[in-house]
PDB file of N, CA and C in Angstrom:
ATOM      1  N   MET A   1      21.966   0.904  -9.609  1.00  0.00           N
ATOM      2  CA  MET A   1      21.248   0.884 -10.867  1.00  0.00           C
ATOM      3  C   MET A   1      21.931  -0.116 -11.782  1.00  0.00           C
ATOM      4  N   SER A   2      21.115  -0.907 -12.442  1.00  0.00           N
ATOM      5  CA  SER A   2      21.671  -1.941 -13.307  1.00  0.00           C
ATOM      6  C   SER A   2      22.255  -1.326 -14.576  1.00  0.00           C
ATOM      7  N   PRO A   3      23.250  -1.988 -15.161  1.00  0.00           N
ATOM      8  CA  PRO A   3      23.831  -1.492 -16.410  1.00  0.00           C
ATOM      9  C   PRO A   3      22.786  -1.385 -17.524  1.00  0.00           C
ATOM     10  N   GLN A   4      21.850  -2.295 -17.541  1.00  0.00           N
ATOM     11  CA  GLN A   4      20.806  -2.266 -18.572  1.00  0.00           C
ATOM     12  C   GLN A   4      19.942  -1.014 -18.418  1.00  0.00           C
ATOM     13  N   LEU A   5      19.583  -0.676 -17.182  1.00  0.00           N
ATOM     14  CA  LEU A   5      18.781   0.523 -16.934  1.00  0.00           C
ATOM     15  C   LEU A   5      19.571   1.773 -17.294  1.00  0.00           C
ATOM     16  N   GLU A   6      20.839   1.795 -16.948  1.00  0.00           N
ATOM     17  CA  GLU A   6      21.685   2.944 -17.302  1.00  0.00           C
ATOM     18  C   GLU A   6      21.742   3.130 -18.810  1.00  0.00           C
ATOM     19  N   ALA A   7      21.838   2.032 -19.560  1.00  0.00           N
ATOM     20  CA  ALA A   7      21.885   2.112 -21.017  1.00  0.00           C
ATOM     21  C   ALA A   7      20.577   2.658 -21.575  1.00  0.00           C
ATOM     22  N   VAL A   8      19.459   2.209 -21.012  1.00  0.00           N
ATOM     23  CA  VAL A   8      18.152   2.693 -21.468  1.00  0.00           C
ATOM     24  C   VAL A   8      18.015   4.186 -21.172  1.00  0.00           C
ATOM     25  N   LEU A   9      18.434   4.608 -19.996  1.00  0.00           N
ATOM     26  CA  LEU A   9      18.354   6.032 -19.646  1.00  0.00           C
ATOM     27  C   LEU A   9      19.231   6.877 -20.559  1.00  0.00           C
ATOM     28  N   LYS A  10      20.388   6.365 -20.891  1.00  0.00           N
ATOM     29  CA  LYS A  10      21.288   7.080 -21.795  1.00  0.00           C
ATOM     30  C   LYS A  10      20.633   7.229 -23.169  1.00  0.00           C
ATOM     31  N   GLN A  11      19.986   6.163 -23.641  1.00  0.00           N
ATOM     32  CA  GLN A  11      19.280   6.222 -24.921  1.00  0.00           C
ATOM     33  C   GLN A  11      18.122   7.204 -24.848  1.00  0.00           C
ATOM     34  N   ALA A  12      17.420   7.232 -23.722  1.00  0.00           N
ATOM     35  CA  ALA A  12      16.271   8.121 -23.560  1.00  0.00           C
ATOM     36  C   ALA A  12      16.699   9.583 -23.602  1.00  0.00           C
ATOM     37  N   GLN A  13      17.910   9.868 -23.148  1.00  0.00           N
ATOM     38  CA  GLN A  13      18.402  11.246 -23.191  1.00  0.00           C
ATOM     39  C   GLN A  13      18.524  11.747 -24.627  1.00  0.00           C
ATOM     40  N   GLY A  14      18.725  10.836 -25.568  1.00  0.00           N
ATOM     41  CA  GLY A  14      18.847  11.218 -26.965  1.00  0.00           C
ATOM     42  C   GLY A  14      17.511  11.460 -27.644  1.00  0.00           C
ATOM     43  N   LEU A  15      16.420  11.177 -26.959  1.00  0.00           N
ATOM     44  CA  LEU A  15      15.090  11.386 -27.527  1.00  0.00           C
ATOM     45  C   LEU A  15      14.642  12.823 -27.320  1.00  0.00           C
ATOM     46  N   SER A  16      13.720  13.255 -28.161  1.00  0.00           N
ATOM     47  CA  SER A  16      13.133  14.586 -27.977  1.00  0.00           C
ATOM     48  C   SER A  16      12.239  14.555 -26.743  1.00  0.00           C
ATOM     49  N   THR A  17      11.859  15.727 -26.295  1.00  0.00           N
ATOM     50  CA  THR A  17      10.982  15.813 -25.128  1.00  0.00           C
ATOM     51  C   THR A  17       9.674  15.083 -25.389  1.00  0.00           C
ATOM     52  N   SER A  18       9.120  15.244 -26.567  1.00  0.00           N
ATOM     53  CA  SER A  18       7.877  14.571 -26.927  1.00  0.00           C
ATOM     54  C   SER A  18       8.057  13.056 -26.900  1.00  0.00           C
ATOM     55  N   GLU A  19       9.157  12.564 -27.414  1.00  0.00           N
ATOM     56  CA  GLU A  19       9.420  11.128 -27.418  1.00  0.00           C
ATOM     57  C   GLU A  19       9.638  10.601 -25.995  1.00  0.00           C
ATOM     58  N   GLN A  20      10.298  11.400 -25.164  1.00  0.00           N
ATOM     59  CA  GLN A  20      10.506  10.996 -23.772  1.00  0.00           C
ATOM     60  C   GLN A  20       9.160  10.877 -23.047  1.00  0.00           C
ATOM     61  N   LEU A  21       8.256  11.809 -23.324  1.00  0.00           N
ATOM     62  CA  LEU A  21       6.926  11.750 -22.708  1.00  0.00           C
ATOM     63  C   LEU A  21       6.149  10.525 -23.205  1.00  0.00           C
ATOM     64  N   GLN A  22       6.300  10.208 -24.489  1.00  0.00           N
ATOM     65  CA  GLN A  22       5.649   9.008 -25.024  1.00  0.00           C
ATOM     66  C   GLN A  22       6.211   7.757 -24.359  1.00  0.00           C
ATOM     67  N   LEU A  23       7.519   7.741 -24.142  1.00  0.00           N
ATOM     68  CA  LEU A  23       8.159   6.614 -23.473  1.00  0.00           C
ATOM     69  C   LEU A  23       7.621   6.458 -22.049  1.00  0.00           C
ATOM     70  N   ILE A  24       7.497   7.571 -21.365  1.00  0.00           N
ATOM     71  CA  ILE A  24       6.967   7.541 -19.993  1.00  0.00           C
ATOM     72  C   ILE A  24       5.545   6.993 -19.999  1.00  0.00           C
ATOM     73  N   GLU A  25       4.721   7.454 -20.934  1.00  0.00           N
ATOM     74  CA  GLU A  25       3.341   6.969 -21.029  1.00  0.00           C
ATOM     75  C   GLU A  25       3.293   5.461 -21.255  1.00  0.00           C
ATOM     76  N   ARG A  26       4.111   4.989 -22.170  1.00  0.00           N
ATOM     77  CA  ARG A  26       4.122   3.557 -22.485  1.00  0.00           C
ATOM     78  C   ARG A  26       4.581   2.732 -21.286  1.00  0.00           C
ATOM     79  N   LEU A  27       5.646   3.187 -20.631  1.00  0.00           N
ATOM     80  CA  LEU A  27       6.147   2.455 -19.466  1.00  0.00           C
ATOM     81  C   LEU A  27       5.130   2.468 -18.330  1.00  0.00           C
ATOM     82  N   THR A  28       4.505   3.614 -18.112  1.00  0.00           N
ATOM     83  CA  THR A  28       3.491   3.717 -17.072  1.00  0.00           C
ATOM     84  C   THR A  28       2.329   2.785 -17.377  1.00  0.00           C
ATOM     85  N   GLY A  29       1.928   2.727 -18.633  1.00  0.00           N
ATOM     86  CA  GLY A  29       0.852   1.828 -19.037  1.00  0.00           C
ATOM     87  C   GLY A  29       1.208   0.377 -18.805  1.00  0.00           C
ATOM     88  N   GLN A  30       2.437   0.020 -19.122  1.00  0.00           N
ATOM     89  CA  GLN A  30       2.869  -1.370 -18.911  1.00  0.00           C
ATOM     90  C   GLN A  30       2.845  -1.737 -17.438  1.00  0.00           C
ATOM     91  N   VAL A  31       3.361  -0.847 -16.621  1.00  0.00           N
ATOM     92  CA  VAL A  31       3.440  -1.124 -15.185  1.00  0.00           C
ATOM     93  C   VAL A  31       2.052  -1.166 -14.567  1.00  0.00           C
ATOM     94  N   SER A  32       1.168  -0.248 -14.986  1.00  0.00           N
ATOM     95  CA  SER A  32      -0.162  -0.197 -14.374  1.00  0.00           C
ATOM     96  C   SER A  32      -1.015  -1.397 -14.766  1.00  0.00           C
ATOM     97  N   THR A  33      -0.744  -2.017 -15.895  1.00  0.00           N
ATOM     98  CA  THR A  33      -1.541  -3.186 -16.286  1.00  0.00           C
ATOM     99  C   THR A  33      -1.077  -4.454 -15.575  1.00  0.00           C
ATOM    100  N   GLN A  34       0.130  -4.431 -15.045  1.00  0.00           N
ATOM    101  CA  GLN A  34       0.617  -5.588 -14.307  1.00  0.00           C
ATOM    102  C   GLN A  34      -0.029  -5.569 -12.924  1.00  0.00           C
ATOM    103  N   SER A  35      -0.565  -6.667 -12.526  1.00  0.00           N
ATOM    104  CA  SER A  35      -1.231  -6.761 -11.234  1.00  0.00           C
ATOM    105  C   SER A  35      -0.193  -6.920 -10.132  1.00  0.00           C
ATOM    106  N   GLU A  36      -0.306  -6.065  -9.133  1.00  0.00           N
ATOM    107  CA  GLU A  36       0.596  -6.167  -7.979  1.00  0.00           C
ATOM    108  C   GLU A  36       0.397  -7.495  -7.266  1.00  0.00           C
ATOM    109  N   THR A  37      -0.849  -7.899  -7.139  1.00  0.00           N
ATOM    110  CA  THR A  37      -1.121  -9.132  -6.401  1.00  0.00           C
ATOM    111  C   THR A  37      -0.627 -10.357  -7.152  1.00  0.00           C
ATOM    112  N   ALA A  38      -0.515 -10.251  -8.466  1.00  0.00           N
ATOM    113  CA  ALA A  38      -0.040 -11.403  -9.226  1.00  0.00           C
ATOM    114  C   ALA A  38       1.425 -11.686  -8.914  1.00  0.00           C
ATOM    115  N   ARG A  39       2.161 -10.660  -8.550  1.00  0.00           N
ATOM    116  CA  ARG A  39       3.577 -10.840  -8.255  1.00  0.00           C
ATOM    117  C   ARG A  39       3.831 -11.278  -6.821  1.00  0.00           C
ATOM    118  N   LEU A  40       2.868 -11.026  -5.948  1.00  0.00           N
ATOM    119  CA  LEU A  40       3.044 -11.393  -4.548  1.00  0.00           C
ATOM    120  C   LEU A  40       2.589 -12.831  -4.323  1.00  0.00           C
ATOM    121  N   PRO A  41       3.324 -13.572  -3.536  1.00  0.00           N
ATOM    122  CA  PRO A  41       2.895 -14.948  -3.269  1.00  0.00           C
ATOM    123  C   PRO A  41       1.626 -14.943  -2.422  1.00  0.00           C
ATOM    124  N   LYS A  42       0.740 -15.881  -2.706  1.00  0.00           N
ATOM    125  CA  LYS A  42      -0.483 -15.984  -1.914  1.00  0.00           C
ATOM    126  C   LYS A  42      -0.153 -16.653  -0.597  1.00  0.00           C
ATOM    127  N   ARG A  43      -0.807 -16.200   0.436  1.00  0.00           N
ATOM    128  CA  ARG A  43      -0.569 -16.730   1.780  1.00  0.00           C
ATOM    129  C   ARG A  43      -1.796 -17.452   2.294  1.00  0.00           C
ATOM    130  N   LYS A  44      -1.566 -18.424   3.117  1.00  0.00           N
ATOM    131  CA  LYS A  44      -2.663 -19.118   3.782  1.00  0.00           C
ATOM    132  C   LYS A  44      -2.888 -18.445   5.128  1.00  0.00           C
ATOM    133  N   ALA A  45      -4.120 -18.408   5.553  1.00  0.00           N
ATOM    134  CA  ALA A  45      -4.453 -17.781   6.830  1.00  0.00           C
ATOM    135  C   ALA A  45      -3.726 -18.461   7.986  1.00  0.00           C
ATOM    136  N   THR A  46      -3.466 -19.752   7.846  1.00  0.00           N
ATOM    137  CA  THR A  46      -2.806 -20.479   8.925  1.00  0.00           C
ATOM    138  C   THR A  46      -1.362 -20.035   9.135  1.00  0.00           C
ATOM    139  N   GLU A  47      -0.780 -19.379   8.139  1.00  0.00           N
ATOM    140  CA  GLU A  47       0.597 -18.887   8.290  1.00  0.00           C
ATOM    141  C   GLU A  47       0.690 -17.761   9.313  1.00  0.00           C
ATOM    142  N   PHE A  48      -0.425 -17.100   9.575  1.00  0.00           N
ATOM    143  CA  PHE A  48      -0.416 -15.946  10.474  1.00  0.00           C
ATOM    144  C   PHE A  48      -0.746 -16.304  11.914  1.00  0.00           C
ATOM    145  N   TYR A  49      -0.955 -17.582  12.177  1.00  0.00           N
ATOM    146  CA  TYR A  49      -1.276 -18.009  13.532  1.00  0.00           C
ATOM    147  C   TYR A  49      -0.144 -17.611  14.475  1.00  0.00           C
ATOM    148  N   GLY A  50      -0.486 -16.902  15.525  1.00  0.00           N
ATOM    149  CA  GLY A  50       0.497 -16.520  16.527  1.00  0.00           C
ATOM    150  C   GLY A  50       1.318 -15.300  16.181  1.00  0.00           C
ATOM    151  N   VAL A  51       0.998 -14.612  15.084  1.00  0.00           N
ATOM    152  CA  VAL A  51       1.770 -13.433  14.682  1.00  0.00           C
ATOM    153  C   VAL A  51       1.624 -12.317  15.705  1.00  0.00           C
ATOM    154  N   ALA A  52       0.425 -12.152  16.219  1.00  0.00           N
ATOM    155  CA  ALA A  52       0.191 -11.102  17.208  1.00  0.00           C
ATOM    156  C   ALA A  52      -0.443 -11.713  18.452  1.00  0.00           C
ATOM    157  N   PRO A  53       0.311 -12.518  19.184  1.00  0.00           N
ATOM    158  CA  PRO A  53      -0.274 -13.148  20.367  1.00  0.00           C
ATOM    159  C   PRO A  53      -0.625 -12.104  21.421  1.00  0.00           C
ATOM    160  N   ASN A  54      -1.673 -12.375  22.147  1.00  0.00           N
ATOM    161  CA  ASN A  54      -2.132 -11.506  23.235  1.00  0.00           C
ATOM    162  C   ASN A  54      -2.525 -10.114  22.762  1.00  0.00           C
ATOM    163  N   LEU A  55      -2.919 -10.008  21.505  1.00  0.00           N
ATOM    164  CA  LEU A  55      -3.313  -8.707  20.979  1.00  0.00           C
ATOM    165  C   LEU A  55      -4.491  -8.137  21.756  1.00  0.00           C
ATOM    166  N   LEU A  56      -5.444  -8.984  22.046  1.00  0.00           N
ATOM    167  CA  LEU A  56      -6.622  -8.530  22.772  1.00  0.00           C
ATOM    168  C   LEU A  56      -6.564  -8.882  24.246  1.00  0.00           C
ATOM    169  N   SER A  57      -5.495  -9.473  24.690  1.00  0.00           N
ATOM    170  CA  SER A  57      -5.311  -9.882  26.084  1.00  0.00           C
ATOM    171  C   SER A  57      -6.482 -10.704  26.586  1.00  0.00           C
ATOM    172  N   GLY A  58      -6.948 -11.619  25.760  1.00  0.00           N
ATOM    173  CA  GLY A  58      -8.038 -12.494  26.161  1.00  0.00           C
ATOM    174  C   GLY A  58      -9.415 -11.873  26.053  1.00  0.00           C
ATOM    175  N   MET A  59      -9.494 -10.621  25.642  1.00  0.00           N
ATOM    176  CA  MET A  59     -10.773  -9.937  25.529  1.00  0.00           C
ATOM    177  C   MET A  59     -11.514 -10.440  24.285  1.00  0.00           C
ATOM    178  N   ASP A  60     -12.833 -10.526  24.391  1.00  0.00           N
ATOM    179  CA  ASP A  60     -13.650 -10.904  23.251  1.00  0.00           C
ATOM    180  C   ASP A  60     -13.500  -9.847  22.165  1.00  0.00           C
ATOM    181  N   ALA A  61     -13.370 -10.286  20.925  1.00  0.00           N
ATOM    182  CA  ALA A  61     -13.125  -9.361  19.819  1.00  0.00           C
ATOM    183  C   ALA A  61     -14.247  -8.340  19.676  1.00  0.00           C
ATOM    184  N   GLN A  62     -15.497  -8.764  19.835  1.00  0.00           N
ATOM    185  CA  GLN A  62     -16.616  -7.827  19.681  1.00  0.00           C
ATOM    186  C   GLN A  62     -16.603  -6.773  20.786  1.00  0.00           C
ATOM    187  N   VAL A  63     -16.257  -7.170  22.001  1.00  0.00           N
ATOM    188  CA  VAL A  63     -16.149  -6.217  23.112  1.00  0.00           C
ATOM    189  C   VAL A  63     -15.056  -5.198  22.797  1.00  0.00           C
ATOM    190  N   TRP A  64     -13.938  -5.668  22.270  1.00  0.00           N
ATOM    191  CA  TRP A  64     -12.827  -4.775  21.940  1.00  0.00           C
ATOM    192  C   TRP A  64     -13.248  -3.772  20.867  1.00  0.00           C
ATOM    193  N   VAL A  65     -13.939  -4.247  19.837  1.00  0.00           N
ATOM    194  CA  VAL A  65     -14.394  -3.361  18.760  1.00  0.00           C
ATOM    195  C   VAL A  65     -15.375  -2.335  19.313  1.00  0.00           C
ATOM    196  N   SER A  66     -16.274  -2.759  20.158  1.00  0.00           N
ATOM    197  CA  SER A  66     -17.246  -1.832  20.750  1.00  0.00           C
ATOM    198  C   SER A  66     -16.552  -0.757  21.578  1.00  0.00           C
ATOM    199  N   GLN A  67     -15.562  -1.141  22.376  1.00  0.00           N
ATOM    200  CA  GLN A  67     -14.813  -0.169  23.178  1.00  0.00           C
ATOM    201  C   GLN A  67     -14.069   0.809  22.277  1.00  0.00           C
ATOM    202  N   LEU A  68     -13.490   0.298  21.214  1.00  0.00           N
ATOM    203  CA  LEU A  68     -12.752   1.149  20.287  1.00  0.00           C
ATOM    204  C   LEU A  68     -13.682   2.165  19.635  1.00  0.00           C
ATOM    205  N   ARG A  69     -14.855   1.719  19.223  1.00  0.00           N
ATOM    206  CA  ARG A  69     -15.830   2.634  18.614  1.00  0.00           C
ATOM    207  C   ARG A  69     -16.276   3.695  19.618  1.00  0.00           C
ATOM    208  N   ASP A  70     -16.488   3.293  20.864  1.00  0.00           N
ATOM    209  CA  ASP A  70     -16.863   4.250  21.898  1.00  0.00           C
ATOM    210  C   ASP A  70     -15.784   5.310  22.077  1.00  0.00           C
ATOM    211  N   GLU A  71     -14.513   4.891  22.056  1.00  0.00           N
ATOM    212  CA  GLU A  71     -13.403   5.842  22.175  1.00  0.00           C
ATOM    213  C   GLU A  71     -13.401   6.813  21.000  1.00  0.00           C
ATOM    214  N   TRP A  72     -13.658   6.306  19.786  1.00  0.00           N
ATOM    215  CA  TRP A  72     -13.701   7.174  18.607  1.00  0.00           C
ATOM    216  C   TRP A  72     -14.837   8.192  18.730  1.00  0.00           C
ATOM    217  N   ASP A  73     -16.000   7.713  19.171  1.00  0.00           N
ATOM    218  CA  ASP A  73     -17.146   8.609  19.335  1.00  0.00           C
ATOM    219  C   ASP A  73     -16.842   9.694  20.356  1.00  0.00           C
ATOM    220  N   GLU A  74     -16.181   9.301  21.444  1.00  0.00           N
ATOM    221  CA  GLU A  74     -15.829  10.266  22.483  1.00  0.00           C
ATOM    222  C   GLU A  74     -14.858  11.320  21.946  1.00  0.00           C
ATOM    223  N   ARG A  75     -13.852  10.874  21.202  1.00  0.00           N
ATOM    224  CA  ARG A  75     -12.891  11.821  20.624  1.00  0.00           C
ATOM    225  C   ARG A  75     -13.571  12.749  19.631  1.00  0.00           C
ATOM    226  N   GLU A  76     -14.483  12.193  18.838  1.00  0.00           N
ATOM    227  CA  GLU A  76     -15.186  13.004  17.848  1.00  0.00           C
ATOM    228  C   GLU A  76     -16.034  14.071  18.528  1.00  0.00           C
ATOM    229  N   SER A  77     -16.729  13.699  19.601  1.00  0.00           N
ATOM    230  CA  SER A  77     -17.550  14.684  20.305  1.00  0.00           C
ATOM    231  C   SER A  77     -16.684  15.762  20.951  1.00  0.00           C
ATOM    232  N   LEU A  78     -15.508  15.384  21.457  1.00  0.00           N
ATOM    233  CA  LEU A  78     -14.600  16.386  22.018  1.00  0.00           C
ATOM    234  C   LEU A  78     -14.114  17.349  20.941  1.00  0.00           C
ATOM    235  N   LEU A  79     -13.797  16.835  19.770  1.00  0.00           N
ATOM    236  CA  LEU A  79     -13.351  17.686  18.681  1.00  0.00           C
ATOM    237  C   LEU A  79     -14.455  18.626  18.208  1.00  0.00           C
ATOM    238  N   ARG A  80     -15.678  18.141  18.202  1.00  0.00           N
ATOM    239  CA  ARG A  80     -16.804  18.988  17.779  1.00  0.00           C
ATOM    240  C   ARG A  80     -17.040  20.111  18.779  1.00  0.00           C
ATOM    241  N   ARG A  81     -16.872  19.811  20.059  1.00  0.00           N
ATOM    242  CA  ARG A  81     -17.045  20.841  21.086  1.00  0.00           C
ATOM    243  C   ARG A  81     -15.966  21.911  20.988  1.00  0.00           C
ATOM    244  N   GLN A  82     -14.754  21.505  20.592  1.00  0.00           N
ATOM    245  CA  GLN A  82     -13.639  22.438  20.486  1.00  0.00           C
ATOM    246  C   GLN A  82     -13.767  23.343  19.268  1.00  0.00           C
ATOM    247  N   SER A  83     -14.490  22.904  18.247  1.00  0.00           N
ATOM    248  CA  SER A  83     -14.621  23.682  17.006  1.00  0.00           C
ATOM    249  C   SER A  83     -15.521  24.857  17.150  1.00  0.00           C
TER     250      SER A  83
END
């Protein structure tokens, strides 16, 4: 924990419960208005080339999606029969 944060926490201990709750509200508001994506660097799609080689083992993506959906449907029907 940084010395600055420790100092702020020490000061917050001197506040009333109502003031501490107001502080929490204000800090939460500040953090929630900051965009998470604004802090993250933007990436180009080309940076991900080769990240997951052989993911589909040469299989066509649509065939893979269709097989996956069939597996989900099969599992769902098995779960319904068990209920």
